[in-house]
Protein backbone atom coordinates (compact mmCIF):
# COMPACT_ATOMS: atom_id res chain seq x y z
CA MET A 1 161.19 -138.07 -37.21
CA MET A 2 159.50 -141.46 -37.16
CA THR A 3 161.60 -144.48 -36.29
CA GLN A 4 161.51 -147.68 -38.31
CA VAL A 5 159.58 -149.35 -35.47
CA GLY A 6 157.09 -146.47 -35.45
CA ILE A 7 156.63 -146.71 -39.22
CA GLU A 8 156.04 -150.47 -38.99
CA GLN A 9 153.45 -150.04 -36.23
CA LEU A 10 151.72 -147.29 -38.19
CA PHE A 11 151.60 -149.60 -41.23
CA LEU A 12 149.96 -152.35 -39.14
CA ASP A 13 147.43 -149.94 -37.63
CA ASN A 14 146.58 -148.48 -41.04
CA THR A 15 146.23 -151.97 -42.53
CA LYS A 16 143.54 -152.78 -39.96
CA GLU A 17 141.60 -149.65 -40.91
CA LEU A 18 142.05 -150.30 -44.65
CA SER A 19 140.59 -153.80 -44.32
CA LYS A 20 137.23 -152.23 -43.40
CA LEU A 21 136.94 -150.25 -46.66
CA SER A 22 135.51 -151.13 -50.05
CA LEU A 23 138.06 -152.35 -52.60
CA THR A 24 137.87 -149.18 -54.70
CA PHE A 25 138.30 -146.83 -51.75
CA ARG A 26 140.96 -149.03 -50.16
CA THR A 27 143.00 -148.95 -53.39
CA ARG A 28 142.87 -145.15 -53.55
CA ILE A 29 143.91 -144.78 -49.92
CA LYS A 30 146.80 -147.23 -50.42
CA CYS A 31 147.97 -145.12 -53.37
CA LEU A 32 147.75 -142.04 -51.18
CA LEU A 33 149.80 -143.66 -48.40
CA MET A 34 152.49 -144.80 -50.85
CA GLY A 35 152.60 -141.38 -52.48
CA LEU A 36 152.95 -139.65 -49.13
CA ALA A 37 155.71 -141.96 -47.93
CA SER A 38 157.73 -141.39 -51.09
CA ASN A 39 157.05 -137.64 -51.16
CA GLY A 40 159.20 -136.35 -48.33
CA HIS A 41 158.17 -138.90 -45.72
CA VAL A 42 154.65 -137.74 -44.92
CA PHE A 43 152.80 -140.11 -42.60
CA ILE A 44 149.13 -140.23 -41.60
CA ARG A 45 147.24 -142.50 -39.20
CA LEU A 46 143.90 -143.72 -40.54
CA THR A 47 140.95 -143.66 -38.12
CA ASP A 48 137.23 -144.36 -37.98
CA ALA A 49 136.94 -146.60 -41.04
CA ALA A 50 133.49 -148.06 -41.59
CA ALA A 51 132.35 -150.70 -44.04
CA LYS A 52 130.30 -149.48 -46.99
CA ARG A 53 131.33 -145.90 -46.34
CA ASN A 54 133.59 -143.91 -48.66
CA LYS A 55 134.96 -141.69 -45.92
CA ILE A 56 137.75 -142.24 -43.41
CA GLY A 57 139.36 -140.11 -40.74
CA TYR A 58 143.06 -139.45 -40.43
CA ASN A 59 145.64 -137.69 -38.29
CA LEU A 60 148.79 -136.16 -39.74
CA ILE A 61 151.68 -137.77 -37.85
CA GLU A 62 154.63 -136.26 -39.67
CA GLY A 63 155.21 -134.07 -42.69
CA ASP A 64 153.37 -131.53 -44.76
CA GLN A 65 149.56 -131.27 -44.83
CA ASP A 66 149.75 -129.73 -48.30
CA SER A 67 151.12 -133.03 -49.61
CA VAL A 68 148.08 -134.87 -48.25
CA VAL A 69 145.77 -132.44 -50.04
CA ARG A 70 147.73 -132.38 -53.30
CA ILE A 71 148.15 -136.15 -53.66
CA GLY A 72 144.65 -136.87 -52.36
CA GLU A 73 143.07 -134.56 -54.89
CA ARG A 74 145.05 -136.18 -57.72
CA LEU A 75 143.46 -139.46 -56.62
CA ARG A 76 139.99 -137.88 -56.77
CA LEU A 77 139.61 -137.72 -53.00
CA THR A 78 137.99 -134.89 -51.10
CA VAL A 79 140.49 -133.95 -48.40
CA THR A 80 139.86 -131.97 -45.22
CA ASP A 81 142.15 -131.55 -42.21
CA THR A 82 140.74 -134.74 -40.68
CA THR A 83 138.93 -136.77 -43.37
CA LEU A 84 139.41 -138.39 -46.77
CA GLU A 85 136.38 -139.09 -48.92
CA LEU A 86 135.99 -140.77 -52.29
CA ARG A 87 134.51 -138.39 -54.85
CA HIS A 88 131.77 -139.75 -57.05
CA ALA A 89 132.26 -139.44 -60.80
């Protein structure tokens, strides 16, 4: 189980990755992170963010992968085991 210090460090690391994303994609990923944290304490580490790209990598740190998929799809994200991508309308 993640400690409070671990959660705070993960938040800081994820914030750095989020800052590289477009506003629309960043907002969706923030919603995903909040939904995961409140849904049984599921935590992911964001990786490989790139400006002007609607795809980001992630690693499941703690919790249920099914929650990542379920919440991500509700937010119109394409979810794989290692990436999150913004679907186009």
